[in-house]
Amino acid sequence: MNATDEDHTPPSENPAPPAPRHARLTGCDSFVERVRKACTSPGAQQALRRGLAKPVHEVPARTHAALLRGGLVPDGAKGEERRAYYAVAALIAARPRAERVAETTSNDQGTTEQLPGVSKQPPDGAPPAATTTAEQKPTWGTSLGTSLAQAVISDRNRENGIESRLHLLVRQETDGLHRMLPAMQRLLGSTGVPADYGRLLHDIAHWTYRREETSTRWLEDYYRTLRRARQSDRGDT
C-alpha cells in the first residue's frame, strides 16, 4: 500500500481508555505513586536514594524514616518483600532526570501517561469514551524484559551488551539481583525507556521462590518484543 492508498479516516474523538492494570498490581502502583510524591521533597529523595542496592539492615536511619514515618512500606511486609519495597523506592529516587521531568510535565498538563495504573477521567459533561463489545483484559504492565527490548529497539548497537546483562541478571540470587538493578535502571535511562516500577516491585518481591518463573517471563518478553518489532520493520504479518 502506498501513501495515497492509506485510510485517512480521522481517529475517534473519544478513543477507548487504556486497558486497566491487573488487580494484583494495585498495591504496587499505589506505593510507586506515593514514593514519587515523597520525592518531590529533595530531602526525602536523597534519603530514599541512599538505600540504593543495600540490604534493609544497611540503609541509613533517615531512609527508614522516609519510608516508615508516612507508612509507605506496608506494616506486614517482611524479609524479601520488605527489601523489594526499599529497593524500588531507591530506584524511583534515583531515576534519571529526564524521567522526572517527563512526569512533572505530564502532571502539569493534566495527563497521567507516565503514571501506570492511573487512568485519565473525562471532564464533566464529556461524552463517554468509545468502548468495545468485550471488556478489556487487565494488563500486567511492562516487565523488565520488555523494557530492555525497547532499549535495544531504541539503540540497536547496544543489543549484545543488553542481552548479556539480562542473561546475567536472571541467574542472580536475591543479593545479586539487587546489586544489578541500579545499573539496569541507568541503562534504560540512557536509552530513554522508562521503567515500570509497579511491575518491577511485583516481580522482585518474592524472587527467591519465583526466580525461575519470573526470569523465564522476562526472557520471553524480551525476545518476543524484539521479534515482533523486527517483523513490523519488515512488514511481516
Protein backbone atom coordinates (compact mmCIF):
# COMPACT_ATOMS: atom_id res chain seq x y z
CA MET A 1 0.00 0.00 0.00
CA ASN A 2 1.42 3.37 -0.95
CA ALA A 3 0.88 6.62 0.91
CA THR A 4 -2.03 7.66 -1.33
CA ASP A 5 -3.90 4.44 -0.55
CA GLU A 6 -3.81 4.81 3.20
CA ASP A 7 -7.03 5.11 5.15
CA HIS A 8 -7.39 8.73 6.23
CA THR A 9 -10.40 8.13 8.45
CA PRO A 10 -9.98 10.54 11.38
CA PRO A 11 -9.43 8.90 14.76
CA SER A 12 -12.29 8.81 17.22
CA GLU A 13 -12.58 11.90 19.39
CA ASN A 14 -13.23 9.56 22.31
CA PRO A 15 -10.89 6.59 21.93
CA ALA A 16 -11.22 3.59 24.18
CA PRO A 17 -9.44 4.07 27.51
CA PRO A 18 -6.23 2.11 28.14
CA ALA A 19 -6.64 -1.39 29.49
CA PRO A 20 -6.80 -1.46 33.29
CA ARG A 21 -3.85 -2.73 35.28
CA HIS A 22 -4.19 -6.15 36.85
CA ALA A 23 -5.65 -6.04 40.36
CA ARG A 24 -2.50 -7.63 41.80
CA LEU A 25 -0.54 -4.55 40.73
CA THR A 26 -2.84 -2.12 42.56
CA GLY A 27 -0.87 -2.05 45.81
CA CYS A 28 2.44 -1.86 43.95
CA ASP A 29 1.26 1.05 41.80
CA SER A 30 -0.08 2.86 44.86
CA PHE A 31 3.31 2.51 46.56
CA VAL A 32 5.11 3.82 43.48
CA GLU A 33 2.85 6.85 43.26
CA ARG A 34 3.31 7.68 46.94
CA VAL A 35 7.10 7.39 46.63
CA ARG A 36 7.05 9.69 43.59
CA LYS A 37 5.16 12.26 45.62
CA ALA A 38 7.59 11.86 48.53
CA CYS A 39 10.46 12.51 46.13
CA THR A 40 9.15 15.99 45.39
CA SER A 41 10.92 16.84 48.65
CA PRO A 42 14.68 16.95 47.94
CA GLY A 43 15.46 15.73 51.45
CA ALA A 44 13.19 12.70 51.14
CA GLN A 45 14.53 11.92 47.68
CA GLN A 46 18.12 11.96 48.94
CA ALA A 47 17.20 9.79 51.93
CA LEU A 48 15.49 7.20 49.75
CA ARG A 49 18.31 7.19 47.23
CA ARG A 50 20.75 6.29 49.99
CA GLY A 51 19.14 2.85 50.12
CA LEU A 52 20.24 2.02 46.57
CA ALA A 53 21.42 -1.64 46.27
CA LYS A 54 21.64 -2.02 50.07
CA PRO A 55 20.05 -4.69 52.27
CA VAL A 56 17.45 -3.23 54.61
CA HIS A 57 19.70 -3.55 57.66
CA GLU A 58 22.41 -1.44 55.96
CA VAL A 59 20.33 1.58 54.92
CA PRO A 60 20.73 4.82 56.90
CA ALA A 61 18.25 5.71 59.63
CA ARG A 62 16.88 8.58 57.56
CA THR A 63 15.96 6.13 54.79
CA HIS A 64 13.90 4.14 57.27
CA ALA A 65 12.31 7.38 58.44
CA ALA A 66 11.38 8.47 54.91
CA LEU A 67 9.68 5.15 54.22
CA LEU A 68 8.14 4.34 57.58
CA ARG A 69 7.12 7.71 59.01
CA GLY A 70 4.41 8.10 56.37
CA GLY A 71 3.59 4.40 56.23
CA LEU A 72 4.86 3.92 52.66
CA VAL A 73 6.02 0.36 53.32
CA PRO A 74 3.14 -1.89 54.45
CA ASP A 75 3.48 -2.92 58.09
CA GLY A 76 3.08 -6.57 57.13
CA ALA A 77 5.98 -6.58 54.64
CA LYS A 78 8.81 -8.76 55.89
CA GLY A 79 12.05 -10.21 54.61
CA GLU A 80 12.48 -10.27 50.85
CA GLU A 81 9.21 -8.45 50.22
CA ARG A 82 10.23 -5.59 52.52
CA ARG A 83 13.60 -5.39 50.77
CA ALA A 84 11.80 -5.05 47.44
CA TYR A 85 9.89 -2.01 48.72
CA TYR A 86 13.13 -0.37 49.88
CA ALA A 87 14.86 -1.22 46.59
CA VAL A 88 12.13 0.15 44.34
CA ALA A 89 11.83 3.31 46.45
CA ALA A 90 15.57 3.87 45.99
CA LEU A 91 15.32 3.26 42.24
CA ILE A 92 12.49 5.78 41.95
CA ALA A 93 14.51 8.32 43.92
CA ALA A 94 17.50 7.70 41.64
CA ARG A 95 15.55 7.70 38.37
CA PRO A 96 17.04 9.73 35.52
CA ARG A 97 16.35 13.46 35.47
CA ALA A 98 14.67 13.15 32.06
CA GLU A 99 12.16 10.72 33.54
CA ARG A 100 11.41 13.05 36.46
CA VAL A 101 10.94 15.98 34.10
CA ALA A 102 8.60 13.93 31.91
CA GLU A 103 6.49 13.04 34.94
CA THR A 104 6.35 16.66 36.06
CA THR A 105 5.40 17.86 32.58
CA SER A 106 2.74 15.18 32.32
CA ASN A 107 1.22 16.20 35.65
CA ASP A 108 1.35 19.91 34.79
CA GLN A 109 -0.55 19.22 31.59
CA GLY A 110 -3.17 17.24 33.46
CA THR A 111 -2.26 13.89 31.94
CA THR A 112 -1.38 10.59 33.55
CA GLU A 113 0.51 8.91 30.74
CA GLN A 114 3.63 8.47 32.87
CA LEU A 115 1.79 7.06 35.84
CA PRO A 116 0.99 3.35 35.40
CA GLY A 117 -2.30 2.26 36.89
CA VAL A 118 -3.95 5.71 36.78
CA SER A 119 -6.45 6.35 34.03
CA LYS A 120 -7.42 9.82 32.87
CA GLN A 121 -11.04 10.70 33.57
CA PRO A 122 -13.07 12.71 31.03
CA PRO A 123 -14.29 16.16 32.16
CA ASP A 124 -17.81 16.50 33.48
CA GLY A 125 -20.34 16.57 30.66
CA ALA A 126 -18.00 14.99 28.12
CA PRO A 127 -19.40 12.14 26.01
CA PRO A 128 -18.34 8.68 27.16
CA ALA A 129 -15.22 7.15 25.68
CA ALA A 130 -15.59 4.58 22.96
CA THR A 131 -15.96 1.05 24.26
CA THR A 132 -15.63 -2.37 22.76
CA THR A 133 -18.16 -5.15 22.90
CA ALA A 134 -15.96 -7.11 25.26
CA GLU A 135 -14.38 -5.77 28.40
CA GLN A 136 -10.68 -5.08 28.13
CA LYS A 137 -8.43 -7.70 29.65
CA PRO A 138 -6.35 -6.35 32.56
CA THR A 139 -2.70 -5.83 31.73
CA TRP A 140 0.35 -6.78 33.76
CA GLY A 141 2.15 -3.66 32.61
CA THR A 142 5.68 -3.72 31.24
CA SER A 143 8.13 -6.30 32.51
CA LEU A 144 11.84 -5.61 32.78
CA GLY A 145 12.37 -7.94 29.82
CA THR A 146 10.06 -5.85 27.65
CA SER A 147 11.72 -2.62 28.80
CA LEU A 148 15.16 -3.96 27.90
CA ALA A 149 13.90 -4.99 24.47
CA GLN A 150 12.57 -1.46 23.99
CA ALA A 151 16.03 -0.18 24.88
CA VAL A 152 17.51 -2.36 22.13
CA ILE A 153 14.91 -1.10 19.66
CA SER A 154 15.90 2.45 20.63
CA ASP A 155 19.62 1.72 20.13
CA ARG A 156 20.37 -1.39 18.07
CA ASN A 157 24.11 -1.01 18.65
CA ARG A 158 23.65 -1.99 22.29
CA GLU A 159 21.84 -5.28 21.68
CA ASN A 160 24.72 -7.61 22.57
CA GLY A 161 25.52 -5.78 25.80
CA ILE A 162 21.89 -5.58 26.91
CA GLU A 163 21.25 -9.23 26.11
CA SER A 164 24.33 -10.28 28.08
CA ARG A 165 23.25 -8.24 31.09
CA LEU A 166 19.79 -9.78 31.01
CA HIS A 167 21.26 -13.30 30.87
CA LEU A 168 23.45 -12.48 33.87
CA LEU A 169 20.61 -10.84 35.80
CA VAL A 170 18.22 -13.78 35.59
CA ARG A 171 20.87 -16.08 37.08
CA GLN A 172 21.30 -14.00 40.21
CA GLU A 173 20.27 -14.84 43.73
CA THR A 174 18.48 -12.08 45.65
CA ASP A 175 21.62 -10.17 46.68
CA GLY A 176 22.99 -10.19 43.14
CA LEU A 177 19.65 -9.11 41.72
CA HIS A 178 19.54 -6.06 43.97
CA ARG A 179 23.16 -5.15 43.19
CA MET A 180 22.44 -5.20 39.46
CA LEU A 181 19.14 -3.34 39.40
CA PRO A 182 20.59 0.21 39.64
CA ALA A 183 22.81 -0.45 36.63
CA MET A 184 19.86 -1.83 34.67
CA GLN A 185 17.88 1.29 35.51
CA ARG A 186 20.74 3.52 34.32
CA LEU A 187 20.88 1.51 31.10
CA LEU A 188 17.18 2.07 30.48
CA GLY A 189 17.54 5.75 31.31
CA SER A 190 20.39 6.15 28.83
CA THR A 191 18.10 4.95 26.03
CA GLY A 192 15.07 6.95 27.17
CA VAL A 193 13.00 3.93 28.19
CA PRO A 194 11.04 4.45 31.45
CA ALA A 195 10.81 1.64 33.97
CA ASP A 196 7.51 0.19 35.13
CA TYR A 197 8.29 0.34 38.85
CA GLY A 198 4.97 -1.17 39.91
CA ARG A 199 5.53 -4.27 37.80
CA LEU A 200 9.16 -4.47 38.93
CA LEU A 201 8.11 -4.37 42.59
CA HIS A 202 5.67 -7.20 41.99
CA ASP A 203 8.29 -9.28 40.18
CA ILE A 204 11.11 -8.99 42.71
CA ALA A 205 9.11 -9.14 45.94
CA HIS A 206 9.49 -12.93 46.17
CA TRP A 207 12.47 -13.52 43.90
CA THR A 208 13.92 -16.43 45.90
CA TYR A 209 10.77 -18.50 45.43
CA ARG A 210 9.70 -17.25 42.00
CA ARG A 211 13.00 -16.65 40.26
CA GLU A 212 12.56 -19.34 37.62
CA GLU A 213 9.03 -18.21 36.78
CA THR A 214 9.90 -14.51 36.74
CA SER A 215 13.20 -14.83 34.89
CA THR A 216 11.57 -17.02 32.23
CA ARG A 217 8.87 -14.39 31.76
CA TRP A 218 11.47 -11.63 31.42
CA LEU A 219 13.35 -13.63 28.78
CA GLU A 220 10.15 -14.46 26.89
CA ASP A 221 9.07 -10.83 26.92
CA TYR A 222 12.50 -9.67 25.78
CA TYR A 223 12.77 -11.97 22.77
CA ARG A 224 9.12 -11.74 21.75
CA THR A 225 9.20 -7.94 21.84
CA LEU A 226 12.31 -7.86 19.65
CA ARG A 227 10.89 -10.43 17.22
CA ARG A 228 7.64 -8.52 16.81
CA ALA A 229 9.49 -5.25 16.29
CA ARG A 230 11.62 -6.81 13.55
CA GLN A 231 8.58 -8.38 11.90
CA SER A 232 6.92 -4.97 11.91
CA ASP A 233 10.02 -3.38 10.38
CA ARG A 234 9.95 -5.97 7.57
CA GLY A 235 6.22 -5.58 7.07
CA ASP A 236 5.54 -9.20 8.05
CA THR A 237 2.02 -10.09 9.10
